[in-house]
């Protein structure tokens, strides 16, 4: 019995699409070639791998047993091809990254744009979601790198410390606590209606953990899935929130929001870069991680991110000192 790589690729494509026809289109093969390879694989393994549900194929117990092992084999082959094929000194390739909301919306757009100006043969696609889903995509091998603000505790993920931001309370300029110099947890917590991120959000997770015993005093009136929605609700006067100080620099400068540091609580948090432990580190991945560390050259990383011009100063420094610039 000899199982071929092509059979495993076809099996994985049929699992993903649920149809022989769609799998054949995905792999640029004829439908008969896909059917023949799948039938031969099932014969070699001593029985069917799918159940038919109408016109769709669904994995049976044997297929579910094979799938993770199939993915592992195909992933290892991809790693070999990637590493052995990198002969050029140029930074090239397509990088798929996923970022949790704060990082994806307020940090990485600047960094990705600057990196691609330096390396025009490199292409970076980014998906923004919450930390929980970002980790899931890394574990599934659907993304190369992740940038997250929540805790990382999965055995298949390697986390690299990046830089720290800080959570601060934001309120509308006319609210009861807007005139305070700090947010006093013991006095101000019960006065406020809270608008927070949804479950699975790294910001919400860290905020509640940092509050400790005070978390029971939270009067949550809204959970919203996007930081911009929270800022607008706070600006309108619907409540207060606690967000990363990366997210509201412009609103505070314009006077639309007021920010308050929490007195007596350490609200700093570690942002991390994550990748699958079994995924080969390509030249493009390694160079982008190195480039993103430019933030750590700032005496205060958040200051560097408060505007594109300030970040650009650090990018210029990196570009002059990079050994990989083509």
Protein backbone atom coordinates (compact mmCIF):
# COMPACT_ATOMS: atom_id res chain seq x y z
CA UNK A 1 0.00 0.00 0.00
CA UNK A 2 1.45 3.35 -1.09
CA UNK A 3 -0.45 6.51 -0.21
CA UNK A 4 0.62 9.46 -2.33
CA UNK A 5 0.89 13.12 -1.41
CA UNK A 6 -1.55 13.89 -4.21
CA UNK A 7 -4.16 11.59 -2.65
CA UNK A 8 -3.82 13.40 0.67
CA UNK A 9 -4.14 16.80 -1.06
CA UNK A 10 -7.29 15.61 -2.79
CA UNK A 11 -8.71 14.20 0.45
CA UNK A 12 -8.07 17.54 2.22
CA UNK A 13 -9.68 19.49 -0.65
CA UNK A 14 -12.80 17.30 -0.60
CA UNK A 15 -13.07 17.79 3.17
CA UNK A 16 -12.80 21.56 2.76
CA UNK A 17 -15.33 21.85 -0.08
CA UNK A 18 -17.63 18.93 0.68
CA UNK A 19 -17.89 18.12 -3.03
CA UNK A 20 -15.75 16.26 -5.56
CA UNK A 21 -16.61 18.83 -8.24
CA UNK A 22 -15.55 21.82 -6.14
CA UNK A 23 -12.40 20.01 -5.02
CA UNK A 24 -11.47 19.37 -8.66
CA UNK A 25 -11.91 23.08 -9.44
CA UNK A 26 -9.80 24.04 -6.44
CA UNK A 27 -6.97 21.71 -7.50
CA UNK A 28 -7.31 22.35 -11.26
CA UNK A 29 -7.97 18.65 -11.89
CA UNK A 30 -10.74 16.84 -13.71
CA UNK A 31 -13.64 15.53 -11.65
CA UNK A 32 -12.85 11.97 -12.75
CA UNK A 33 -9.22 12.32 -11.59
CA UNK A 34 -10.35 13.47 -8.14
CA UNK A 35 -12.95 10.69 -7.87
CA UNK A 36 -10.44 8.06 -8.95
CA UNK A 37 -7.77 9.25 -6.46
CA UNK A 38 -10.28 9.43 -3.61
CA UNK A 39 -11.67 5.97 -4.36
CA UNK A 40 -8.17 4.52 -4.54
CA UNK A 41 -7.27 6.11 -1.17
CA UNK A 42 -10.39 4.66 0.44
CA UNK A 43 -9.60 1.24 -1.05
CA UNK A 44 -6.03 1.39 0.24
CA UNK A 45 -7.25 2.34 3.72
CA UNK A 46 -9.83 -0.45 3.80
CA UNK A 47 -13.09 1.48 3.77
CA UNK A 48 -14.97 4.75 3.15
CA UNK A 49 -13.85 8.05 4.66
CA UNK A 50 -17.06 9.98 3.95
CA UNK A 51 -20.83 9.68 4.36
CA UNK A 52 -23.09 11.08 1.66
CA UNK A 53 -25.59 13.71 2.84
CA UNK A 54 -27.60 14.53 -0.25
CA UNK A 55 -25.04 15.85 -2.74
CA UNK A 56 -22.49 16.69 -0.05
CA UNK A 57 -19.74 14.51 1.42
CA UNK A 58 -19.24 14.57 5.20
CA UNK A 59 -16.43 12.90 7.13
CA UNK A 60 -17.24 9.68 8.95
CA UNK A 61 -15.33 8.45 12.02
CA UNK A 62 -12.51 7.03 9.86
CA UNK A 63 -12.20 10.28 7.94
CA UNK A 64 -12.10 12.32 11.15
CA UNK A 65 -9.25 10.11 12.35
CA UNK A 66 -7.30 10.66 9.13
CA UNK A 67 -7.82 14.43 8.74
CA UNK A 68 -5.45 15.83 11.43
CA UNK A 69 -2.74 13.38 10.40
CA UNK A 70 -3.21 14.34 6.76
CA UNK A 71 -2.91 18.05 7.63
CA UNK A 72 0.26 17.44 9.61
CA UNK A 73 1.89 15.61 6.70
CA UNK A 74 0.91 18.27 4.16
CA UNK A 75 2.10 21.02 6.50
CA UNK A 76 5.52 19.38 6.87
CA UNK A 77 5.83 19.04 3.10
CA UNK A 78 4.92 22.70 2.68
CA UNK A 79 7.59 23.64 5.23
CA UNK A 80 10.24 21.68 3.33
CA UNK A 81 9.29 23.27 0.01
CA UNK A 82 9.24 26.73 1.53
CA UNK A 83 12.60 26.51 3.28
CA UNK A 84 14.43 24.68 0.52
CA UNK A 85 13.09 27.04 -2.13
CA UNK A 86 14.28 30.29 -0.51
CA UNK A 87 17.46 31.04 -2.47
CA UNK A 88 16.90 34.72 -3.23
CA UNK A 89 18.21 37.44 -0.93
CA UNK A 90 15.10 39.50 -1.66
CA UNK A 91 12.16 39.45 0.71
CA UNK A 92 9.35 37.89 -1.30
CA UNK A 93 6.15 35.96 -0.71
CA UNK A 94 2.59 36.23 0.55
CA UNK A 95 2.15 36.51 4.32
CA UNK A 96 -1.21 35.84 5.96
CA UNK A 97 -1.52 37.46 9.38
CA UNK A 98 -4.35 37.77 11.88
CA UNK A 99 -4.59 40.46 14.52
CA UNK A 100 -6.86 41.15 17.43
CA UNK A 101 -8.93 44.31 17.21
CA UNK A 102 -6.75 46.94 18.87
CA UNK A 103 -3.56 45.88 17.10
CA UNK A 104 -5.23 45.24 13.75
CA UNK A 105 -7.04 48.55 13.60
CA UNK A 106 -4.59 50.92 15.29
CA UNK A 107 -1.05 49.52 14.96
CA UNK A 108 -0.45 47.17 12.07
CA UNK A 109 -1.87 49.24 9.18
CA UNK A 110 1.06 51.69 9.59
CA UNK A 111 3.63 48.92 9.95
CA UNK A 112 2.35 46.84 7.03
CA UNK A 113 2.29 49.85 4.70
CA UNK A 114 5.84 50.86 5.64
CA UNK A 115 7.14 47.28 5.33
CA UNK A 116 5.65 46.78 1.87
CA UNK A 117 7.18 50.07 0.68
CA UNK A 118 10.57 48.69 1.73
CA UNK A 119 9.92 45.26 0.19
CA UNK A 120 7.67 45.65 -2.88
CA UNK A 121 7.85 41.92 -3.68
CA UNK A 122 6.30 41.04 -0.32
CA UNK A 123 2.52 40.96 0.07
CA UNK A 124 0.76 40.94 3.44
CA UNK A 125 -2.91 40.19 3.99
CA UNK A 126 -4.45 40.85 7.39
CA UNK A 127 -7.64 39.60 9.06
CA UNK A 128 -8.92 41.39 12.17
CA UNK A 129 -10.86 39.46 14.83
CA UNK A 130 -10.74 38.90 18.58
CA UNK A 131 -7.88 37.12 20.37
CA UNK A 132 -9.73 33.82 20.81
CA UNK A 133 -10.48 33.47 17.11
CA UNK A 134 -6.97 34.61 16.16
CA UNK A 135 -5.46 31.76 18.19
CA UNK A 136 -7.88 29.29 16.57
CA UNK A 137 -6.76 30.34 13.09
CA UNK A 138 -3.08 29.95 14.04
CA UNK A 139 -3.70 26.47 15.47
CA UNK A 140 -5.60 25.46 12.33
CA UNK A 141 -2.69 26.62 10.18
CA UNK A 142 -4.84 29.11 8.28
CA UNK A 143 -2.65 32.08 9.25
CA UNK A 144 1.14 32.46 9.39
CA UNK A 145 1.46 35.00 12.21
CA UNK A 146 -0.88 36.41 14.84
CA UNK A 147 -0.71 39.66 16.80
CA UNK A 148 -2.79 39.53 19.97
CA UNK A 149 -3.47 41.42 23.16
CA UNK A 150 -5.10 38.65 25.20
CA UNK A 151 -3.52 35.81 27.14
CA UNK A 152 -2.07 32.93 25.11
CA UNK A 153 -2.27 29.48 26.67
CA UNK A 154 -2.39 26.95 23.83
CA UNK A 155 0.23 24.19 23.76
CA UNK A 156 0.64 24.40 19.97
CA UNK A 157 1.32 28.15 19.93
CA UNK A 158 4.62 29.94 20.53
CA UNK A 159 4.18 33.49 21.86
CA UNK A 160 6.84 36.19 21.42
CA UNK A 161 6.58 39.23 23.74
CA UNK A 162 6.18 42.38 21.65
CA UNK A 163 5.52 45.61 23.58
CA UNK A 164 3.21 46.91 26.27
CA UNK A 165 0.23 49.22 26.07
CA UNK A 166 -1.99 50.39 28.92
CA UNK A 167 -5.74 50.30 29.48
CA UNK A 168 -7.34 53.57 30.55
CA UNK A 169 -10.89 54.63 31.34
CA UNK A 170 -12.54 56.84 28.73
CA UNK A 171 -15.57 59.01 29.33
CA UNK A 172 -17.47 61.75 27.59
CA UNK A 173 -16.28 65.32 28.31
CA UNK A 174 -19.49 66.24 30.17
CA UNK A 175 -19.77 63.14 32.38
CA UNK A 176 -19.72 63.21 36.17
CA UNK A 177 -16.14 61.90 36.37
CA UNK A 178 -14.70 63.88 33.44
CA UNK A 179 -13.28 66.51 35.78
CA UNK A 180 -11.26 63.97 37.78
CA UNK A 181 -7.51 63.64 37.33
CA UNK A 182 -7.63 59.84 37.80
CA UNK A 183 -10.24 57.11 38.05
CA UNK A 184 -10.59 56.06 41.69
CA UNK A 185 -11.77 52.47 41.57
CA UNK A 186 -13.23 52.42 45.08
CA UNK A 187 -15.22 55.63 44.63
CA UNK A 188 -16.02 55.80 40.91
CA UNK A 189 -16.74 52.19 39.91
CA UNK A 190 -20.32 52.07 41.18
CA UNK A 191 -21.17 55.47 39.67
CA UNK A 192 -20.59 54.31 36.12
CA UNK A 193 -22.45 52.41 33.45
CA UNK A 194 -19.92 50.35 31.52
CA UNK A 195 -19.64 49.66 27.81
CA UNK A 196 -17.15 46.87 27.13
CA UNK A 197 -15.89 44.59 24.35
CA UNK A 198 -17.55 41.25 23.62
CA UNK A 199 -16.62 37.90 25.16
CA UNK A 200 -13.47 36.53 23.54
CA UNK A 201 -11.92 39.99 23.28
CA UNK A 202 -8.42 40.31 24.72
CA UNK A 203 -9.22 43.81 25.97
CA UNK A 204 -12.30 42.63 27.87
CA UNK A 205 -10.42 39.63 29.27
CA UNK A 206 -7.51 41.68 30.60
CA UNK A 207 -9.75 44.48 31.91
CA UNK A 208 -11.81 42.12 34.05
CA UNK A 209 -8.73 40.28 35.30
CA UNK A 210 -7.01 43.54 36.30
CA UNK A 211 -10.06 44.68 38.28
CA UNK A 212 -9.75 41.68 40.60
CA UNK A 213 -12.36 41.80 43.36
CA UNK A 214 -13.80 45.02 41.90
CA UNK A 215 -15.10 43.13 38.87
CA UNK A 216 -18.30 42.32 40.78
CA UNK A 217 -19.08 46.06 40.86
CA UNK A 218 -19.19 46.37 37.07
CA UNK A 219 -22.57 47.57 35.80
CA UNK A 220 -22.32 46.50 32.15
CA UNK A 221 -25.02 48.09 29.99
CA UNK A 222 -23.54 47.22 26.58
CA UNK A 223 -21.14 44.74 25.00
CA UNK A 224 -19.97 45.84 21.56
CA UNK A 225 -17.80 44.01 19.05
CA UNK A 226 -15.75 46.96 17.84
CA UNK A 227 -13.67 49.62 19.56
CA UNK A 228 -14.96 52.39 17.27
CA UNK A 229 -18.54 51.57 18.27
CA UNK A 230 -17.57 51.77 21.95
CA UNK A 231 -15.89 55.15 21.52
CA UNK A 232 -18.93 56.59 19.78
CA UNK A 233 -21.29 55.28 22.47
CA UNK A 234 -19.07 56.79 25.19
CA UNK A 235 -18.84 60.09 23.33
CA UNK A 236 -22.64 60.14 23.08
CA UNK A 237 -22.87 59.77 26.86
CA UNK A 238 -24.16 56.19 27.11
CA UNK A 239 -21.52 55.15 29.64
CA UNK A 240 -17.79 54.79 30.20
CA UNK A 241 -15.33 52.19 28.97
CA UNK A 242 -11.79 50.93 29.42
CA UNK A 243 -9.70 50.66 26.27
CA UNK A 244 -6.09 50.60 25.16
CA UNK A 245 -4.46 54.01 25.04
CA UNK A 246 -3.48 53.14 21.46
CA UNK A 247 -7.09 53.58 20.36
CA UNK A 248 -8.24 57.03 21.45
CA UNK A 249 -5.33 59.46 20.98
CA UNK A 250 -7.09 61.56 18.34
CA UNK A 251 -10.42 61.74 20.17
CA UNK A 252 -8.72 62.96 23.35
CA UNK A 253 -6.70 65.54 21.38
CA UNK A 254 -9.93 66.83 19.80
CA UNK A 255 -11.70 67.00 23.17
CA UNK A 256 -14.35 64.44 22.22
CA UNK A 257 -13.26 62.03 24.96
CA UNK A 258 -11.48 62.30 28.29
CA UNK A 259 -9.07 59.57 29.42
CA UNK A 260 -8.29 58.69 33.04
CA UNK A 261 -5.64 56.34 34.39
CA UNK A 262 -6.85 53.92 37.05
CA UNK A 263 -5.46 54.84 40.43
CA UNK A 264 -3.80 52.01 42.32
CA UNK A 265 -4.11 49.40 39.56
CA UNK A 266 -1.45 48.30 37.10
CA UNK A 267 -3.37 48.34 33.80
CA UNK A 268 -0.41 47.62 31.53
CA UNK A 269 -0.59 44.51 29.38
CA UNK A 270 1.78 42.57 27.18
CA UNK A 271 1.07 42.41 23.45
CA UNK A 272 2.38 39.30 21.70
CA UNK A 273 3.26 37.89 18.30
CA UNK A 274 2.18 34.27 17.92
CA UNK A 275 2.79 31.44 15.46
CA UNK A 276 2.33 27.68 15.34
CA UNK A 277 5.23 25.80 16.93
CA UNK A 278 5.44 23.40 14.00
CA UNK A 279 5.34 26.07 11.30
CA UNK A 280 8.64 26.80 9.57
CA UNK A 281 9.85 30.38 10.00
CA UNK A 282 10.37 31.77 6.50
CA UNK A 283 12.60 34.70 5.63
CA UNK A 284 9.53 36.90 5.12
CA UNK A 285 8.02 35.94 8.48
CA UNK A 286 11.33 36.46 10.28
CA UNK A 287 11.93 39.85 8.65
CA UNK A 288 8.42 41.12 9.39
CA UNK A 289 8.73 40.14 13.06
CA UNK A 290 12.08 41.92 13.19
CA UNK A 291 10.57 44.97 11.51
CA UNK A 292 7.68 45.10 13.97
CA UNK A 293 10.18 45.25 16.83
CA UNK A 294 10.89 48.81 15.69
CA UNK A 295 8.28 49.84 18.27
CA UNK A 296 10.57 48.67 21.05
CA UNK A 297 13.15 51.24 19.93
CA UNK A 298 10.84 53.95 21.26
CA UNK A 299 11.28 55.01 24.86
CA UNK A 300 7.49 54.67 24.98
CA UNK A 301 5.97 52.46 22.29
CA UNK A 302 2.55 54.09 22.51
CA UNK A 303 4.00 57.53 21.77
CA UNK A 304 5.48 56.17 18.55
CA UNK A 305 2.05 54.92 17.52
CA UNK A 306 0.09 58.08 18.32
CA UNK A 307 0.58 59.36 14.77
CA UNK A 308 1.97 58.11 11.45
CA UNK A 309 4.69 60.79 11.43
CA UNK A 310 6.13 59.72 14.79
CA UNK A 311 6.15 56.08 13.77
CA UNK A 312 7.75 56.96 10.45
CA UNK A 313 10.80 58.32 12.28
CA UNK A 314 11.40 54.88 13.75
CA UNK A 315 10.69 53.19 10.41
CA UNK A 316 13.31 55.42 8.75
CA UNK A 317 15.81 54.39 11.42
CA UNK A 318 15.08 50.72 10.80
CA UNK A 319 15.34 51.08 7.03
CA UNK A 320 18.80 52.67 7.27
CA UNK A 321 20.07 49.90 9.57
CA UNK A 322 18.35 46.87 8.02
CA UNK A 323 20.60 44.29 6.38
CA UNK A 324 17.72 42.90 4.31
CA UNK A 325 16.80 45.97 2.30
CA UNK A 326 16.93 45.09 -1.40
